[in-house]
Amino acid sequence: MNLETLRAFCLSLPAVTEDVKWEHDLCFSIGGKMFSVASLEPPFTFSMKVTPEEFEELVALPGIVPAPYVARYHWVLLQEGHPISQPDLEKYLRQSYELVKAKLSKKDLKAAGLL
């Protein structure tokens, strides 16, 4: 998955916004809360939230490491050469979106147009 494919997929999900943070990271959010972050500078990497069980499984794979600063919240960083297929990446990204969406308040859901 490259940046263009990641961006297209994330923006296809309902009420997703994108913005650049920290000068070189493209962030995808739902209700103002990030669910995926991609590097705009080479090498291309991106991170996302996963379940606690998947976190342990994924960081055992080559090219996947705990995401800096947010690993305690079960975020993983995928580097070039990771072994995850495109369909599985889309499943994990959709799940990351849903995990973050589930934590939003009713007020935030309504503001995002999801209620």
N, C-alpha and C. Protein backbone atom coordinates (compact mmCIF):
# COMPACT_ATOMS: atom_id res chain seq x y z
N MET A 1 0.85 -1.18 0.00
CA MET A 1 0.00 0.00 0.00
C MET A 1 0.89 1.24 0.00
N ASN A 2 0.58 2.18 -0.86
CA ASN A 2 1.33 3.43 -0.91
C ASN A 2 0.45 4.56 -0.35
N LEU A 3 1.00 5.76 -0.31
CA LEU A 3 0.28 6.88 0.28
C LEU A 3 -1.03 7.17 -0.45
N GLU A 4 -1.01 7.13 -1.77
CA GLU A 4 -2.22 7.43 -2.53
C GLU A 4 -3.32 6.41 -2.26
N THR A 5 -2.96 5.14 -2.20
CA THR A 5 -3.94 4.09 -1.93
C THR A 5 -4.48 4.21 -0.51
N LEU A 6 -3.59 4.46 0.44
CA LEU A 6 -4.01 4.64 1.83
C LEU A 6 -4.97 5.81 1.94
N ARG A 7 -4.60 6.93 1.33
CA ARG A 7 -5.44 8.13 1.39
C ARG A 7 -6.81 7.87 0.79
N ALA A 8 -6.85 7.25 -0.39
CA ALA A 8 -8.13 6.96 -1.05
C ALA A 8 -9.00 6.07 -0.18
N PHE A 9 -8.40 5.04 0.41
CA PHE A 9 -9.19 4.14 1.25
C PHE A 9 -9.72 4.86 2.48
N CYS A 10 -8.85 5.56 3.19
CA CYS A 10 -9.28 6.25 4.42
C CYS A 10 -10.37 7.27 4.14
N LEU A 11 -10.22 8.02 3.05
CA LEU A 11 -11.22 9.04 2.74
C LEU A 11 -12.53 8.45 2.23
N SER A 12 -12.54 7.16 1.89
CA SER A 12 -13.78 6.51 1.47
C SER A 12 -14.67 6.15 2.66
N LEU A 13 -14.11 6.18 3.86
CA LEU A 13 -14.88 5.87 5.07
C LEU A 13 -15.71 7.09 5.47
N PRO A 14 -16.89 6.87 6.05
CA PRO A 14 -17.78 7.99 6.38
C PRO A 14 -17.17 9.00 7.35
N ALA A 15 -17.34 10.28 7.03
CA ALA A 15 -16.99 11.41 7.90
C ALA A 15 -15.51 11.52 8.25
N VAL A 16 -14.64 10.98 7.41
CA VAL A 16 -13.20 11.06 7.66
C VAL A 16 -12.67 12.41 7.18
N THR A 17 -11.80 12.97 8.00
CA THR A 17 -11.10 14.20 7.62
C THR A 17 -9.61 13.91 7.58
N GLU A 18 -8.89 14.74 6.86
CA GLU A 18 -7.43 14.60 6.80
C GLU A 18 -6.80 15.95 7.07
N ASP A 19 -5.66 15.93 7.71
CA ASP A 19 -4.88 17.14 7.90
C ASP A 19 -3.43 16.77 8.16
N VAL A 20 -2.55 17.73 7.93
CA VAL A 20 -1.13 17.53 8.16
C VAL A 20 -0.79 18.03 9.56
N LYS A 21 -0.16 17.16 10.33
CA LYS A 21 0.29 17.52 11.68
C LYS A 21 1.80 17.30 11.76
N TRP A 22 2.40 17.99 12.66
CA TRP A 22 3.83 17.84 12.92
C TRP A 22 4.67 18.05 11.66
N GLU A 23 4.17 18.82 10.73
CA GLU A 23 4.83 19.23 9.49
C GLU A 23 5.02 18.15 8.44
N HIS A 24 5.00 16.89 8.82
CA HIS A 24 5.28 15.85 7.82
C HIS A 24 4.46 14.58 7.99
N ASP A 25 3.34 14.65 8.71
CA ASP A 25 2.48 13.48 8.88
C ASP A 25 1.07 13.80 8.42
N LEU A 26 0.53 12.94 7.56
CA LEU A 26 -0.84 13.08 7.10
C LEU A 26 -1.71 12.25 8.03
N CYS A 27 -2.63 12.91 8.71
CA CYS A 27 -3.46 12.26 9.72
C CYS A 27 -4.89 12.11 9.22
N PHE A 28 -5.45 10.94 9.43
CA PHE A 28 -6.84 10.66 9.09
C PHE A 28 -7.61 10.52 10.39
N SER A 29 -8.72 11.25 10.48
CA SER A 29 -9.46 11.32 11.74
C SER A 29 -10.95 11.11 11.53
N ILE A 30 -11.59 10.70 12.61
CA ILE A 30 -13.04 10.61 12.68
C ILE A 30 -13.45 11.37 13.94
N GLY A 31 -14.31 12.34 13.79
CA GLY A 31 -14.74 13.14 14.94
C GLY A 31 -13.60 13.84 15.65
N GLY A 32 -12.56 14.20 14.91
CA GLY A 32 -11.42 14.89 15.50
C GLY A 32 -10.40 13.98 16.16
N LYS A 33 -10.61 12.67 16.12
CA LYS A 33 -9.68 11.70 16.72
C LYS A 33 -9.01 10.90 15.61
N MET A 34 -7.69 10.81 15.67
CA MET A 34 -6.93 10.10 14.64
C MET A 34 -7.13 8.59 14.70
N PHE A 35 -7.21 7.99 13.50
CA PHE A 35 -7.23 6.53 13.43
C PHE A 35 -6.10 5.99 12.55
N SER A 36 -5.44 6.86 11.79
CA SER A 36 -4.28 6.46 11.00
C SER A 36 -3.41 7.69 10.73
N VAL A 37 -2.11 7.47 10.71
CA VAL A 37 -1.14 8.54 10.45
C VAL A 37 -0.12 8.01 9.45
N ALA A 38 0.12 8.78 8.38
CA ALA A 38 1.07 8.36 7.35
C ALA A 38 2.17 9.40 7.20
N SER A 39 3.37 8.92 6.96
CA SER A 39 4.50 9.83 6.73
C SER A 39 4.41 10.42 5.33
N LEU A 40 4.68 11.70 5.23
CA LEU A 40 4.71 12.35 3.92
C LEU A 40 6.12 12.37 3.34
N GLU A 41 7.10 12.03 4.17
CA GLU A 41 8.49 12.00 3.73
C GLU A 41 8.97 10.55 3.66
N PRO A 42 9.85 10.24 2.70
CA PRO A 42 10.38 8.88 2.62
C PRO A 42 11.19 8.53 3.86
N PRO A 43 11.24 7.27 4.22
CA PRO A 43 10.50 6.17 3.63
C PRO A 43 9.04 6.21 4.08
N PHE A 44 8.14 5.69 3.24
CA PHE A 44 6.72 5.68 3.56
C PHE A 44 6.45 4.70 4.70
N THR A 45 5.83 5.20 5.74
CA THR A 45 5.36 4.37 6.85
C THR A 45 3.98 4.89 7.22
N PHE A 46 3.21 4.05 7.89
CA PHE A 46 1.95 4.53 8.44
C PHE A 46 1.61 3.73 9.68
N SER A 47 0.79 4.34 10.51
CA SER A 47 0.41 3.69 11.76
C SER A 47 -1.10 3.68 11.89
N MET A 48 -1.58 2.78 12.75
CA MET A 48 -3.01 2.64 13.00
C MET A 48 -3.22 1.94 14.33
N LYS A 49 -4.42 2.06 14.83
CA LYS A 49 -4.81 1.42 16.09
C LYS A 49 -5.30 0.01 15.80
N VAL A 50 -4.94 -0.94 16.67
CA VAL A 50 -5.40 -2.32 16.56
C VAL A 50 -5.86 -2.79 17.94
N THR A 51 -6.43 -3.98 17.99
CA THR A 51 -6.84 -4.53 19.29
C THR A 51 -5.60 -4.96 20.07
N PRO A 52 -5.72 -5.10 21.38
CA PRO A 52 -4.56 -5.55 22.17
C PRO A 52 -4.01 -6.90 21.69
N GLU A 53 -4.89 -7.82 21.32
CA GLU A 53 -4.45 -9.14 20.85
C GLU A 53 -3.69 -9.03 19.53
N GLU A 54 -4.24 -8.24 18.61
CA GLU A 54 -3.58 -8.07 17.32
C GLU A 54 -2.26 -7.33 17.46
N PHE A 55 -2.18 -6.42 18.41
CA PHE A 55 -0.94 -5.68 18.63
C PHE A 55 0.21 -6.66 18.86
N GLU A 56 0.01 -7.61 19.77
CA GLU A 56 1.06 -8.58 20.08
C GLU A 56 1.43 -9.42 18.86
N GLU A 57 0.42 -9.84 18.09
CA GLU A 57 0.68 -10.65 16.90
C GLU A 57 1.42 -9.85 15.83
N LEU A 58 0.98 -8.63 15.60
CA LEU A 58 1.54 -7.83 14.51
C LEU A 58 2.97 -7.39 14.77
N VAL A 59 3.28 -6.97 16.00
CA VAL A 59 4.64 -6.50 16.26
C VAL A 59 5.67 -7.63 16.22
N ALA A 60 5.20 -8.87 16.20
CA ALA A 60 6.11 -10.01 16.05
C ALA A 60 6.51 -10.22 14.59
N LEU A 61 5.82 -9.55 13.66
CA LEU A 61 6.10 -9.70 12.24
C LEU A 61 7.19 -8.71 11.80
N PRO A 62 7.96 -9.08 10.77
CA PRO A 62 8.98 -8.15 10.27
C PRO A 62 8.33 -6.92 9.64
N GLY A 63 8.93 -5.75 9.87
CA GLY A 63 8.43 -4.52 9.27
C GLY A 63 7.27 -3.88 10.01
N ILE A 64 6.92 -4.43 11.17
CA ILE A 64 5.85 -3.85 11.99
C ILE A 64 6.40 -3.67 13.40
N VAL A 65 6.32 -2.46 13.91
CA VAL A 65 6.85 -2.14 15.23
C VAL A 65 5.81 -1.35 16.03
N PRO A 66 5.96 -1.32 17.35
CA PRO A 66 5.08 -0.46 18.14
C PRO A 66 5.25 1.00 17.68
N ALA A 67 4.15 1.69 17.49
CA ALA A 67 4.21 3.08 17.02
C ALA A 67 4.76 3.99 18.12
N PRO A 68 5.73 4.83 17.79
CA PRO A 68 6.29 5.74 18.79
C PRO A 68 5.20 6.61 19.41
N TYR A 69 5.30 6.81 20.70
CA TYR A 69 4.42 7.67 21.50
C TYR A 69 3.03 7.10 21.77
N VAL A 70 2.52 6.23 20.91
CA VAL A 70 1.14 5.75 21.09
C VAL A 70 1.03 4.23 21.18
N ALA A 71 2.14 3.54 21.30
CA ALA A 71 2.10 2.07 21.38
C ALA A 71 1.30 1.61 22.59
N ARG A 72 1.32 2.38 23.67
CA ARG A 72 0.57 1.97 24.86
C ARG A 72 -0.94 1.94 24.60
N TYR A 73 -1.37 2.60 23.52
CA TYR A 73 -2.78 2.57 23.11
C TYR A 73 -3.01 1.57 21.99
N HIS A 74 -2.05 0.69 21.78
CA HIS A 74 -2.12 -0.39 20.79
C HIS A 74 -2.10 0.13 19.35
N TRP A 75 -1.17 1.02 19.09
CA TRP A 75 -0.93 1.50 17.73
C TRP A 75 0.33 0.82 17.20
N VAL A 76 0.28 0.41 15.93
CA VAL A 76 1.43 -0.20 15.28
C VAL A 76 1.89 0.68 14.12
N LEU A 77 3.19 0.62 13.83
CA LEU A 77 3.78 1.35 12.71
C LEU A 77 4.21 0.33 11.67
N LEU A 78 3.70 0.47 10.47
CA LEU A 78 4.05 -0.43 9.37
C LEU A 78 5.09 0.23 8.49
N GLN A 79 6.19 -0.49 8.30
CA GLN A 79 7.29 0.00 7.49
C GLN A 79 7.28 -0.69 6.13
N GLU A 80 8.05 -0.15 5.19
CA GLU A 80 8.14 -0.79 3.88
C GLU A 80 8.62 -2.23 4.06
N GLY A 81 8.02 -3.13 3.29
CA GLY A 81 8.41 -4.53 3.36
C GLY A 81 7.63 -5.35 4.37
N HIS A 82 6.63 -4.76 5.01
CA HIS A 82 5.81 -5.55 5.95
C HIS A 82 5.04 -6.61 5.15
N PRO A 83 4.66 -7.72 5.79
CA PRO A 83 4.05 -8.82 5.05
C PRO A 83 2.51 -8.78 4.94
N ILE A 84 1.87 -7.70 5.34
CA ILE A 84 0.41 -7.66 5.36
C ILE A 84 -0.13 -7.34 3.96
N SER A 85 -1.11 -8.13 3.50
CA SER A 85 -1.69 -7.93 2.17
C SER A 85 -2.61 -6.71 2.15
N GLN A 86 -2.87 -6.21 0.96
CA GLN A 86 -3.76 -5.04 0.81
C GLN A 86 -5.15 -5.29 1.40
N PRO A 87 -5.80 -6.43 1.12
CA PRO A 87 -7.12 -6.66 1.73
C PRO A 87 -7.06 -6.68 3.26
N ASP A 88 -6.01 -7.27 3.81
CA ASP A 88 -5.88 -7.28 5.27
C ASP A 88 -5.61 -5.89 5.82
N LEU A 89 -4.81 -5.10 5.11
CA LEU A 89 -4.57 -3.72 5.54
C LEU A 89 -5.87 -2.93 5.57
N GLU A 90 -6.69 -3.12 4.57
CA GLU A 90 -7.98 -2.42 4.54
C GLU A 90 -8.86 -2.86 5.71
N LYS A 91 -8.80 -4.14 6.03
CA LYS A 91 -9.56 -4.65 7.18
C LYS A 91 -9.07 -4.00 8.47
N TYR A 92 -7.75 -3.93 8.64
CA TYR A 92 -7.19 -3.31 9.85
C TYR A 92 -7.49 -1.81 9.91
N LEU A 93 -7.42 -1.13 8.78
CA LEU A 93 -7.73 0.30 8.76
C LEU A 93 -9.20 0.55 9.09
N ARG A 94 -10.08 -0.27 8.54
CA ARG A 94 -11.51 -0.13 8.84
C ARG A 94 -11.74 -0.39 10.33
N GLN A 95 -11.06 -1.38 10.86
CA GLN A 95 -11.18 -1.69 12.28
C GLN A 95 -10.64 -0.54 13.14
N SER A 96 -9.52 0.05 12.73
CA SER A 96 -8.96 1.19 13.46
C SER A 96 -9.98 2.33 13.50
N TYR A 97 -10.59 2.59 12.36
CA TYR A 97 -11.65 3.60 12.26
C TYR A 97 -12.77 3.28 13.25
N GLU A 98 -13.22 2.04 13.26
CA GLU A 98 -14.33 1.64 14.14
C GLU A 98 -13.93 1.70 15.62
N LEU A 99 -12.70 1.31 15.94
CA LEU A 99 -12.24 1.38 17.34
C LEU A 99 -12.25 2.82 17.84
N VAL A 100 -11.79 3.74 17.01
CA VAL A 100 -11.76 5.15 17.41
C VAL A 100 -13.18 5.71 17.43
N LYS A 101 -13.98 5.38 16.44
CA LYS A 101 -15.37 5.85 16.38
C LYS A 101 -16.15 5.40 17.61
N ALA A 102 -15.91 4.18 18.08
CA ALA A 102 -16.63 3.64 19.24
C ALA A 102 -16.37 4.43 20.51
N LYS A 103 -15.25 5.13 20.57
CA LYS A 103 -14.89 5.92 21.76
C LYS A 103 -15.42 7.35 21.70
N LEU A 104 -16.01 7.75 20.58
CA LEU A 104 -16.50 9.12 20.44
C LEU A 104 -17.78 9.32 21.25
N SER A 105 -17.94 10.52 21.76
CA SER A 105 -19.17 10.86 22.48
C SER A 105 -20.31 11.03 21.47
N LYS A 106 -21.54 10.98 21.95
CA LYS A 106 -22.68 11.20 21.07
C LYS A 106 -22.60 12.59 20.44
N LYS A 107 -22.12 13.54 21.20
CA LYS A 107 -21.97 14.91 20.68
C LYS A 107 -21.01 14.93 19.50
N ASP A 108 -19.86 14.24 19.64
CA ASP A 108 -18.88 14.19 18.56
C ASP A 108 -19.41 13.41 17.35
N LEU A 109 -20.14 12.33 17.61
CA LEU A 109 -20.73 11.56 16.52
C LEU A 109 -21.74 12.41 15.75
N LYS A 110 -22.54 13.16 16.48
CA LYS A 110 -23.53 14.02 15.84
C LYS A 110 -22.84 15.12 15.04
N ALA A 111 -21.80 15.72 15.60
CA ALA A 111 -21.05 16.78 14.91
C ALA A 111 -20.41 16.25 13.62
N ALA A 112 -20.02 14.98 13.63
CA ALA A 112 -19.41 14.36 12.45
C ALA A 112 -20.46 13.89 11.44
N GLY A 113 -21.74 14.02 11.80
CA GLY A 113 -22.80 13.59 10.91
C GLY A 113 -23.05 12.10 10.92
N LEU A 114 -22.67 11.45 12.01
CA LEU A 114 -22.81 9.99 12.11
C LEU A 114 -23.99 9.56 12.96
N LEU A 115 -24.78 10.50 13.44
CA LEU A 115 -26.00 10.17 14.20
C LEU A 115 -27.19 10.83 13.55
